[in-house]
Amino acid sequence: MGKDHHEHQRPRIARRRPPDPGIFAPQTYVVSLTGSRVAPSTLAVAFEQPRGSRITRRERVRDGEKQVLGRSAYHGWMAFDELSEADGLTRAFTIGYRFTDDPQDPWTARFNAFKQQERKALRGGAAVMRDAVPKLVSGLGLDTSKTIFIPALSSDETVASPDGVLWRLTQYCATCAGVRFEGDRITKKAHEPLHKHTDAAQRTAILAAADFRSREVFADNVLILDDFITRGATMSHIAAAILKRNRGLRVFAVSLGKTERRGYWREKYDVTLSNEHIPPQWERRWMNAT
């Protein structure tokens, strides 16, 4: 995935009152295309360190080899330079991990509640993104006048629905960050839900047959929002469609969580994944959302 070239530019983002997260009242919500079991073969993740630190600890696993590399902080986010399927993506960002084998993990429990469309969890996710997304856009040095947010699509959608939680959350994030929102840029064919298939090749084939396409995008930077990322296949197909129609853009994947099996990394690579990196203030924002 590409390396960012504008990290030192920090444009001023207009201060505005974010829209009421009440837009996430229970509706007929979309379901993420990402599944829950397959762990990626390649992982590179940056954890934020105190400001002023020259390097940060990054755990990278490739074909069983573990390396520690330096990396810049990203304001509480996890920054993935590589995913199992990442064609077209410049970088991917998530708030934390959603562990499929540890539902007692506090952040996993919150993410699962969001997935179940519980009202308090929807508001909690919106409250965290209200603080996190402007920091991400500013930290990446993105020109807000040339940046857009677009939502991912559910398996049964051919274009994102204004009644879906991803449409509404993406629109909310765009408003908070002072960038444009375009909900209808991506189209595809309806397909089987990916979470029903654990075989990576089969999931890839399903997405390939969905024939993702992009309308024209008038921006330099595109941020795709989904609720959870697993291998990155959905985001990759959306990014490829965007770049096929719109050459030269940078496409970023953004989500609440990265779905992983904690036991897989511990047993196979002796790597312990956790959500300890998430800033305490984001936990408070989630818990205090009503």
Protein backbone atom coordinates (compact mmCIF):
# COMPACT_ATOMS: atom_id res chain seq x y z
CA MET A 1 0.00 0.00 0.00
CA GLY A 2 1.15 3.49 -0.73
CA LYS A 3 3.01 5.72 1.66
CA ASP A 4 1.41 8.99 2.69
CA HIS A 5 3.11 12.13 1.39
CA HIS A 6 1.16 14.82 3.23
CA GLU A 7 1.46 13.93 6.90
CA HIS A 8 3.03 17.29 7.79
CA GLN A 9 0.19 19.35 6.30
CA ARG A 10 -2.52 20.03 8.85
CA PRO A 11 -5.32 22.05 7.28
CA ARG A 12 -7.71 23.83 9.58
CA ILE A 13 -11.03 22.12 9.81
CA ALA A 14 -14.00 24.39 10.27
CA ARG A 15 -15.50 24.00 13.74
CA ARG A 16 -19.13 23.11 13.53
CA ARG A 17 -21.72 21.46 15.69
CA PRO A 18 -21.96 17.80 14.67
CA PRO A 19 -25.40 16.53 13.71
CA ASP A 20 -27.44 14.77 16.36
CA PRO A 21 -26.35 11.10 16.54
CA GLY A 22 -30.03 10.39 16.93
CA ILE A 23 -29.99 9.80 13.17
CA PHE A 24 -28.91 6.30 14.14
CA ALA A 25 -32.27 5.38 15.63
CA PRO A 26 -33.22 1.78 14.78
CA GLN A 27 -34.07 1.39 11.09
CA THR A 28 -33.51 -1.32 8.49
CA TYR A 29 -29.72 -1.27 8.65
CA VAL A 30 -27.20 -2.59 6.19
CA VAL A 31 -24.99 -5.49 7.14
CA SER A 32 -21.21 -5.32 6.67
CA LEU A 33 -19.79 -7.38 3.86
CA THR A 34 -16.89 -8.48 6.02
CA GLY A 35 -16.89 -11.86 7.74
CA SER A 36 -15.54 -12.93 11.07
CA ARG A 37 -13.19 -15.93 11.03
CA VAL A 38 -10.37 -15.74 8.52
CA ALA A 39 -7.25 -14.15 9.95
CA PRO A 40 -5.10 -12.23 7.46
CA SER A 41 -1.77 -13.64 6.36
CA THR A 42 -0.11 -10.25 6.66
CA LEU A 43 -0.52 -7.69 9.40
CA ALA A 44 1.15 -4.34 9.93
CA VAL A 45 -0.35 -2.13 12.61
CA ALA A 46 0.82 1.14 14.16
CA PHE A 47 0.04 1.98 17.77
CA GLU A 48 0.02 5.57 18.97
CA GLN A 49 2.80 6.63 21.31
CA PRO A 50 3.15 9.83 23.37
CA ARG A 51 3.68 12.93 21.29
CA GLY A 52 7.34 13.64 20.73
CA SER A 53 8.36 9.98 20.52
CA ARG A 54 10.47 9.42 17.42
CA ILE A 55 9.33 5.88 16.74
CA THR A 56 6.43 3.71 17.72
CA ARG A 57 6.16 -0.04 18.25
CA ARG A 58 4.70 -1.83 15.27
CA GLU A 59 4.16 -5.55 15.18
CA ARG A 60 4.41 -7.05 11.75
CA VAL A 61 3.86 -10.68 10.89
CA ARG A 62 4.65 -11.99 7.40
CA ASP A 63 4.77 -15.73 6.72
CA GLY A 64 5.43 -16.43 10.38
CA GLU A 65 8.26 -13.92 10.73
CA LYS A 66 7.74 -11.26 13.39
CA GLN A 67 9.42 -7.87 13.03
CA VAL A 68 9.26 -4.63 14.98
CA LEU A 69 9.25 -1.46 12.87
CA GLY A 70 9.00 2.25 13.65
CA ARG A 71 5.88 4.17 12.66
CA SER A 72 4.23 7.54 13.18
CA ALA A 73 1.29 7.86 15.57
CA TYR A 74 -2.22 8.22 14.23
CA HIS A 75 -4.13 9.84 17.06
CA GLY A 76 -5.50 6.70 18.67
CA TRP A 77 -6.28 4.83 15.45
CA MET A 78 -4.69 1.57 14.30
CA ALA A 79 -3.12 2.15 10.88
CA PHE A 80 -2.80 -0.93 8.67
CA ASP A 81 -0.32 -0.54 5.84
CA GLU A 82 -1.11 -4.04 4.63
CA LEU A 83 -4.13 -6.33 4.60
CA SER A 84 -4.53 -9.75 3.06
CA GLU A 85 -6.43 -8.10 0.21
CA ALA A 86 -5.54 -4.46 -0.22
CA ASP A 87 -5.31 -3.70 -3.93
CA GLY A 88 -5.99 -0.02 -4.49
CA LEU A 89 -5.96 0.94 -0.82
CA THR A 90 -3.45 3.51 0.36
CA ARG A 91 -3.98 2.58 4.00
CA ALA A 92 -6.66 1.21 6.32
CA PHE A 93 -7.66 2.56 9.73
CA THR A 94 -9.70 1.06 12.56
CA ILE A 95 -10.48 2.06 16.13
CA GLY A 96 -9.83 -1.37 17.62
CA TYR A 97 -10.12 -5.13 17.33
CA ARG A 98 -13.33 -7.16 17.34
CA PHE A 99 -12.26 -10.56 18.67
CA THR A 100 -14.39 -13.45 17.48
CA ASP A 101 -12.93 -15.73 20.17
CA ASP A 102 -13.13 -13.30 23.09
CA PRO A 103 -16.60 -11.75 23.38
CA GLN A 104 -15.80 -10.66 26.96
CA ASP A 105 -13.26 -8.12 25.72
CA PRO A 106 -14.95 -4.76 26.50
CA TRP A 107 -14.43 -3.22 23.07
CA THR A 108 -15.45 -6.44 21.34
CA ALA A 109 -18.68 -6.39 23.36
CA ARG A 110 -19.30 -2.80 22.24
CA PHE A 111 -18.59 -3.63 18.61
CA ASN A 112 -20.88 -6.66 18.76
CA ALA A 113 -23.66 -4.50 20.17
CA PHE A 114 -23.12 -2.07 17.29
CA LYS A 115 -23.34 -4.98 14.87
CA GLN A 116 -26.64 -5.98 16.49
CA GLN A 117 -27.87 -2.41 15.91
CA GLU A 118 -28.48 -1.69 19.58
CA ARG A 119 -29.47 1.95 19.89
CA LYS A 120 -26.98 2.84 22.63
CA ALA A 121 -24.15 1.16 20.71
CA LEU A 122 -25.03 3.02 17.50
CA ARG A 123 -24.88 6.27 19.43
CA GLY A 124 -21.66 5.17 21.11
CA GLY A 125 -20.00 4.42 17.80
CA ALA A 126 -21.11 7.78 16.44
CA ALA A 127 -19.76 9.57 19.53
CA VAL A 128 -16.33 7.96 19.09
CA MET A 129 -16.21 8.72 15.37
CA ARG A 130 -17.20 12.34 16.03
CA ASP A 131 -13.87 12.77 17.81
CA ALA A 132 -11.73 10.26 15.93
CA VAL A 133 -12.51 11.04 12.28
CA PRO A 134 -11.55 14.76 12.30
CA LYS A 135 -8.27 13.78 13.98
CA LEU A 136 -7.63 11.21 11.26
CA VAL A 137 -8.40 13.58 8.38
CA SER A 138 -6.25 16.30 9.93
CA GLY A 139 -3.41 13.90 10.78
CA LEU A 140 -3.29 12.62 7.21
CA GLY A 141 -3.05 16.20 5.96
CA LEU A 142 -6.00 15.79 3.60
CA ASP A 143 -7.36 18.83 1.81
CA THR A 144 -10.93 18.88 3.10
CA SER A 145 -12.17 20.55 -0.09
CA LYS A 146 -10.83 17.60 -2.12
CA THR A 147 -11.82 14.75 0.17
CA ILE A 148 -15.02 12.70 0.27
CA PHE A 149 -16.53 9.94 2.39
CA ILE A 150 -18.50 7.12 0.77
CA PRO A 151 -20.22 4.14 2.47
CA ALA A 152 -19.61 0.47 1.78
CA LEU A 153 -22.56 -1.65 0.61
CA SER A 154 -24.36 -4.59 2.15
CA SER A 155 -24.57 -7.90 0.32
CA ASP A 156 -28.15 -7.35 -0.88
CA GLU A 157 -27.66 -3.75 -1.99
CA THR A 158 -26.91 -2.63 -5.52
CA VAL A 159 -26.33 0.93 -4.28
CA ALA A 160 -26.10 2.18 -0.70
CA SER A 161 -29.44 2.90 0.93
CA PRO A 162 -30.11 6.21 2.73
CA ASP A 163 -31.89 4.15 5.42
CA GLY A 164 -28.79 2.05 6.14
CA VAL A 165 -26.61 2.56 9.18
CA LEU A 166 -23.46 2.85 7.06
CA TRP A 167 -24.96 5.59 4.89
CA ARG A 168 -26.01 7.50 7.99
CA LEU A 169 -22.79 6.96 9.92
CA THR A 170 -20.66 7.86 6.88
CA GLN A 171 -22.68 11.04 6.33
CA TYR A 172 -22.23 11.90 10.00
CA CYS A 173 -18.45 11.34 9.85
CA ALA A 174 -18.15 13.51 6.75
CA THR A 175 -20.02 16.35 8.45
CA CYS A 176 -17.86 16.09 11.57
CA ALA A 177 -14.66 16.24 9.50
CA GLY A 178 -15.87 19.05 7.25
CA VAL A 179 -15.61 17.01 4.05
CA ARG A 180 -18.13 16.01 1.38
CA PHE A 181 -20.34 12.94 1.53
CA GLU A 182 -21.42 11.04 -1.59
CA GLY A 183 -23.50 7.97 -0.90
CA ASP A 184 -24.26 6.74 -4.40
CA ARG A 185 -20.82 6.54 -6.03
CA ILE A 186 -20.58 2.73 -5.88
CA THR A 187 -22.87 0.18 -7.51
CA LYS A 188 -22.72 -3.62 -7.67
CA LYS A 189 -24.81 -6.74 -8.06
CA ALA A 190 -26.47 -8.29 -5.01
CA HIS A 191 -24.57 -11.34 -3.70
CA GLU A 192 -24.46 -13.89 -0.92
CA PRO A 193 -23.48 -12.61 2.54
CA LEU A 194 -19.75 -13.18 3.04
CA HIS A 195 -20.07 -14.20 6.68
CA LYS A 196 -21.61 -17.48 5.53
CA HIS A 197 -18.33 -18.46 3.86
CA THR A 198 -15.08 -19.01 5.73
CA ASP A 199 -13.01 -19.97 2.68
CA ALA A 200 -11.04 -16.94 1.50
CA ALA A 201 -11.02 -17.97 -2.17
CA GLN A 202 -14.77 -18.45 -2.16
CA ARG A 203 -15.35 -15.03 -0.60
CA THR A 204 -13.07 -13.42 -3.18
CA ALA A 205 -14.96 -15.14 -6.00
CA ILE A 206 -18.29 -13.90 -4.64
CA LEU A 207 -17.06 -10.32 -4.58
CA ALA A 208 -15.53 -10.60 -8.05
CA ALA A 209 -18.87 -11.74 -9.45
CA ALA A 210 -20.61 -8.79 -7.75
CA ASP A 211 -19.06 -6.49 -10.39
CA PHE A 212 -18.34 -3.38 -8.30
CA ARG A 213 -18.45 -0.19 -10.32
CA SER A 214 -17.83 3.46 -9.54
CA ARG A 215 -19.35 6.65 -10.83
CA GLU A 216 -17.13 9.64 -11.44
CA VAL A 217 -15.59 11.05 -8.27
CA PHE A 218 -14.50 14.69 -8.06
CA ALA A 219 -11.91 14.46 -5.29
CA ASP A 220 -8.27 13.64 -4.63
CA ASN A 221 -8.94 11.51 -1.55
CA VAL A 222 -11.69 8.99 -0.89
CA LEU A 223 -12.44 7.47 2.51
CA ILE A 224 -14.62 4.33 2.39
CA LEU A 225 -16.45 3.54 5.62
CA ASP A 226 -17.53 0.07 6.71
CA ASP A 227 -18.35 -1.08 10.22
CA PHE A 228 -15.73 -3.89 10.34
CA ILE A 229 -12.79 -5.08 8.25
CA THR A 230 -11.51 -8.67 8.16
CA ARG A 231 -9.28 -9.46 5.18
CA GLY A 232 -9.94 -6.19 3.37
CA ALA A 233 -11.62 -7.83 0.37
CA THR A 234 -14.70 -5.60 0.32
CA MET A 235 -12.71 -2.40 0.68
CA SER A 236 -10.26 -3.60 -1.96
CA HIS A 237 -13.00 -4.25 -4.52
CA ILE A 238 -14.54 -0.83 -3.88
CA ALA A 239 -11.12 0.84 -4.16
CA ALA A 240 -10.37 -0.98 -7.42
CA ALA A 241 -13.70 0.16 -8.88
CA ILE A 242 -13.03 3.76 -7.87
CA LEU A 243 -9.54 3.78 -9.35
CA LYS A 244 -10.65 2.12 -12.58
CA ARG A 245 -13.01 5.03 -13.24
CA ASN A 246 -10.98 7.74 -11.49
CA ARG A 247 -7.24 7.53 -11.97
CA GLY A 248 -4.75 8.99 -9.51
CA LEU A 249 -6.90 9.12 -6.37
CA ARG A 250 -5.88 7.98 -2.92
CA VAL A 251 -8.36 5.59 -1.33
CA PHE A 252 -8.44 4.93 2.42
CA ALA A 253 -10.44 2.31 4.31
CA VAL A 254 -12.00 3.39 7.62
CA SER A 255 -13.93 1.24 10.09
CA LEU A 256 -14.79 0.82 13.74
CA GLY A 257 -13.07 -2.53 14.12
CA LYS A 258 -10.75 -5.14 12.64
CA THR A 259 -12.18 -8.64 13.05
CA GLU A 260 -9.57 -11.07 14.34
CA ARG A 261 -9.11 -14.27 16.34
CA ARG A 262 -6.88 -13.46 19.28
CA GLY A 263 -5.98 -17.12 19.76
CA TYR A 264 -4.76 -17.48 16.18
CA TRP A 265 -2.04 -14.87 16.57
CA ARG A 266 -1.08 -15.98 20.07
CA GLU A 267 -0.79 -19.67 19.24
CA LYS A 268 0.77 -19.43 15.79
CA TYR A 269 3.01 -16.36 16.10
CA ASP A 270 3.21 -15.61 19.84
CA VAL A 271 1.66 -12.20 19.21
CA THR A 272 -0.83 -10.83 21.74
CA LEU A 273 -3.44 -8.54 20.27
CA SER A 274 -5.36 -6.17 22.53
CA ASN A 275 -7.40 -2.97 22.55
CA GLU A 276 -5.27 -1.24 25.17
CA HIS A 277 -4.18 1.36 22.62
CA ILE A 278 -7.67 2.93 22.38
CA PRO A 279 -7.66 6.31 24.16
CA PRO A 280 -9.63 6.34 27.45
CA GLN A 281 -11.59 9.39 26.30
CA TRP A 282 -13.06 7.38 23.43
CA GLU A 283 -14.25 4.76 25.87
CA ARG A 284 -15.89 7.52 27.92
CA ARG A 285 -17.53 8.95 24.82
CA TRP A 286 -18.99 5.57 23.95
CA MET A 287 -20.16 4.84 27.49
CA ASN A 288 -21.72 8.29 27.94
CA ALA A 289 -23.64 8.24 24.67
CA THR A 290 -27.39 8.12 25.23
